[in-house]
Amino acid sequence: MAGKKPFGNPVPVSDLATEILDPVLRKRAGISIGLVQSWEEIAGPRLANHSRPEKIQWPRRLHEDDRFEPAVLIIACEGMAALHLQHEAGEVINRVNAFLGFNAIGRIKILQKPVLSAKARPKPAPRPLSEAEKSKLARTVGKIEDDGLRASLERLGATIIGQKRP
């Protein structure tokens, strides 16, 4: 059994984090971590890169005898992806319900807001170097004997110089 002995069979941190986070997410947002982790498979890579499930809003039931009504899945979405998500809402609802194993979701509510953090956004490509900058960089790293190290340092130098304005 993994994790039973004090110093044997290490347990991945992600397994421990899932056990801790899943009850918190269920209580706060009505959503399981499994849905968040599987969002790319559910929504597809094109939508998953610009959206994420935020919350499942369950309708209030006044009595236990009230009949079941499906919930609303609130999805945070960026820019044009909101239009694509709205167009594919029926398919996404069917995939989420298939993932959950029952007809839990009846409709989708789209919140248009940034999904990716500033750290996760792709950085702009560095500008191409001028001949003078290339020759100066080659002279700087030219005395390094190891070919792999020299090539790595050339790429690093080209990136650093390319980020500066000419």
Protein backbone atom coordinates (compact mmCIF):
# COMPACT_ATOMS: atom_id res chain seq x y z
CA MET A 1 0.00 0.00 0.00
CA ALA A 2 1.46 3.29 -1.07
CA GLY A 3 2.10 5.84 1.63
CA LYS A 4 1.46 3.56 4.63
CA LYS A 5 5.08 3.20 5.72
CA PRO A 6 6.85 6.31 7.01
CA PHE A 7 9.75 6.09 4.52
CA GLY A 8 8.54 3.72 1.79
CA ASN A 9 6.41 4.01 -1.29
CA PRO A 10 6.21 7.75 -1.91
CA VAL A 11 2.84 9.23 -2.86
CA PRO A 12 2.64 11.89 -5.61
CA VAL A 13 1.87 15.35 -4.27
CA SER A 14 -0.91 15.72 -6.85
CA ASP A 15 -2.80 12.81 -5.24
CA LEU A 16 -2.57 14.46 -1.84
CA ALA A 17 -3.58 17.86 -3.23
CA THR A 18 -6.60 16.32 -4.96
CA GLU A 19 -7.78 14.75 -1.72
CA ILE A 20 -7.49 18.12 0.04
CA LEU A 21 -8.90 20.36 -2.72
CA ASP A 22 -11.84 18.24 -3.90
CA PRO A 23 -14.00 18.70 -0.75
CA VAL A 24 -13.22 22.44 -0.70
CA LEU A 25 -14.21 22.87 -4.35
CA ARG A 26 -17.39 20.84 -3.84
CA LYS A 27 -18.42 23.02 -0.90
CA ARG A 28 -17.46 26.42 -2.34
CA ALA A 29 -18.25 26.02 -6.04
CA GLY A 30 -20.31 22.85 -6.22
CA ILE A 31 -17.73 21.45 -8.63
CA SER A 32 -15.32 18.53 -8.44
CA ILE A 33 -11.63 18.77 -9.19
CA GLY A 34 -12.09 15.93 -11.68
CA LEU A 35 -14.22 18.21 -13.87
CA VAL A 36 -11.60 20.96 -13.75
CA GLN A 37 -8.76 18.54 -14.52
CA SER A 38 -10.69 16.92 -17.40
CA TRP A 39 -11.91 20.20 -18.89
CA GLU A 40 -9.65 19.91 -21.95
CA GLU A 41 -11.08 16.48 -22.77
CA ILE A 42 -14.64 17.70 -22.20
CA ALA A 43 -14.51 21.04 -24.02
CA GLY A 44 -11.83 20.21 -26.56
CA PRO A 45 -8.41 21.86 -26.81
CA ARG A 46 -9.63 24.89 -28.78
CA LEU A 47 -12.16 25.92 -26.10
CA ALA A 48 -10.21 24.66 -23.10
CA ASN A 49 -7.31 27.01 -23.78
CA HIS A 50 -9.60 30.03 -23.38
CA SER A 51 -12.19 28.83 -20.84
CA ARG A 52 -12.53 27.05 -17.51
CA PRO A 53 -15.43 25.82 -15.40
CA GLU A 54 -16.02 28.16 -12.48
CA LYS A 55 -19.01 26.85 -10.59
CA ILE A 56 -22.06 24.60 -10.72
CA GLN A 57 -25.09 26.51 -9.48
CA TRP A 58 -27.71 24.09 -8.17
CA PRO A 59 -31.31 25.32 -7.91
CA ARG A 60 -32.67 25.60 -4.40
CA ARG A 61 -35.05 22.92 -3.29
CA LEU A 62 -37.54 23.97 -0.66
CA HIS A 63 -38.43 20.40 0.30
CA GLU A 64 -36.78 17.06 -0.17
CA ASP A 65 -39.88 15.98 -2.10
CA ASP A 66 -39.33 18.60 -4.83
CA ARG A 67 -38.40 17.10 -8.15
CA PHE A 68 -34.83 17.27 -9.40
CA GLU A 69 -33.93 20.19 -11.64
CA PRO A 70 -30.64 20.36 -13.54
CA ALA A 71 -27.99 22.87 -12.52
CA VAL A 72 -26.32 25.75 -14.34
CA LEU A 73 -22.63 25.38 -15.21
CA ILE A 74 -20.86 28.74 -14.99
CA ILE A 75 -17.88 28.93 -17.33
CA ALA A 76 -15.28 31.71 -17.42
CA CYS A 77 -14.35 32.49 -20.99
CA GLU A 78 -12.09 34.90 -22.89
CA GLY A 79 -13.01 37.03 -25.87
CA MET A 80 -14.07 35.24 -29.03
CA ALA A 81 -14.02 31.87 -27.26
CA ALA A 82 -17.28 32.94 -25.58
CA LEU A 83 -18.96 33.01 -28.99
CA HIS A 84 -17.58 29.57 -29.86
CA LEU A 85 -18.67 28.23 -26.48
CA GLN A 86 -22.16 29.61 -26.91
CA HIS A 87 -22.36 27.97 -30.33
CA GLU A 88 -21.23 24.60 -28.93
CA ALA A 89 -23.15 24.86 -25.62
CA GLY A 90 -25.38 21.85 -26.30
CA GLU A 91 -22.41 19.61 -27.07
CA VAL A 92 -20.51 20.82 -23.98
CA ILE A 93 -23.57 20.17 -21.78
CA ASN A 94 -23.85 16.63 -23.16
CA ARG A 95 -20.13 15.99 -22.55
CA VAL A 96 -20.25 17.33 -18.99
CA ASN A 97 -23.33 15.22 -18.23
CA ALA A 98 -21.61 12.16 -19.69
CA PHE A 99 -18.56 12.91 -17.53
CA LEU A 100 -20.67 13.29 -14.38
CA GLY A 101 -22.77 10.22 -15.21
CA PHE A 102 -26.24 11.81 -15.04
CA ASN A 103 -28.15 14.82 -16.38
CA ALA A 104 -26.74 17.27 -13.87
CA ILE A 105 -26.35 20.31 -16.15
CA GLY A 106 -29.30 21.90 -17.94
CA ARG A 107 -27.70 25.06 -19.28
CA ILE A 108 -24.48 27.05 -19.38
CA LYS A 109 -23.86 30.59 -18.18
CA ILE A 110 -20.84 32.30 -19.70
CA LEU A 111 -18.78 34.84 -17.74
CA GLN A 112 -16.51 36.79 -20.02
CA LYS A 113 -13.28 37.44 -18.15
CA PRO A 114 -9.56 36.66 -18.45
CA VAL A 115 -8.82 33.00 -17.94
CA LEU A 116 -5.05 32.80 -18.32
CA SER A 117 -2.83 34.55 -15.82
CA ALA A 118 -0.17 36.97 -17.02
CA LYS A 119 2.44 34.27 -16.36
CA ALA A 120 0.68 31.74 -18.58
CA ARG A 121 0.20 34.09 -21.53
CA PRO A 122 2.60 33.51 -24.41
CA LYS A 123 5.42 36.01 -24.48
CA PRO A 124 6.20 37.89 -27.66
CA ALA A 125 8.95 36.41 -29.82
CA PRO A 126 12.27 38.25 -29.68
CA ARG A 127 13.16 40.39 -32.69
CA PRO A 128 15.71 39.10 -35.21
CA LEU A 129 19.28 40.15 -34.46
CA SER A 130 21.30 42.43 -36.71
CA GLU A 131 24.57 41.19 -38.23
CA ALA A 132 26.58 43.31 -35.79
CA GLU A 133 24.71 41.80 -32.81
CA LYS A 134 25.18 38.27 -34.18
CA SER A 135 28.91 38.74 -34.65
CA LYS A 136 29.34 40.27 -31.17
CA LEU A 137 27.42 37.33 -29.64
CA ALA A 138 29.53 34.82 -31.62
CA ARG A 139 32.75 36.49 -30.40
CA THR A 140 31.48 36.48 -26.82
CA VAL A 141 30.73 32.74 -26.69
CA GLY A 142 33.31 31.65 -29.31
CA LYS A 143 36.00 30.65 -26.79
CA ILE A 144 33.77 28.08 -25.07
CA GLU A 145 35.02 24.58 -25.98
CA ASP A 146 31.88 22.53 -25.30
CA ASP A 147 29.66 22.67 -28.40
CA GLY A 148 26.39 22.05 -26.53
CA LEU A 149 27.11 24.71 -23.94
CA ARG A 150 28.18 27.21 -26.59
CA ALA A 151 24.97 26.60 -28.61
CA SER A 152 22.82 26.99 -25.48
CA LEU A 153 24.55 30.23 -24.53
CA GLU A 154 24.13 31.55 -28.09
CA ARG A 155 20.38 30.87 -27.93
CA LEU A 156 20.17 32.49 -24.50
CA GLY A 157 22.15 35.52 -25.67
CA ALA A 158 20.02 35.85 -28.82
CA THR A 159 16.87 35.81 -26.70
CA ILE A 160 18.18 38.40 -24.27
CA ILE A 161 19.49 40.72 -26.98
CA GLY A 162 16.32 40.20 -29.07
CA GLN A 163 14.12 41.39 -26.22
CA LYS A 164 15.95 44.70 -25.99
CA ARG A 165 14.97 47.51 -28.30
CA PRO A 166 17.50 48.24 -31.08
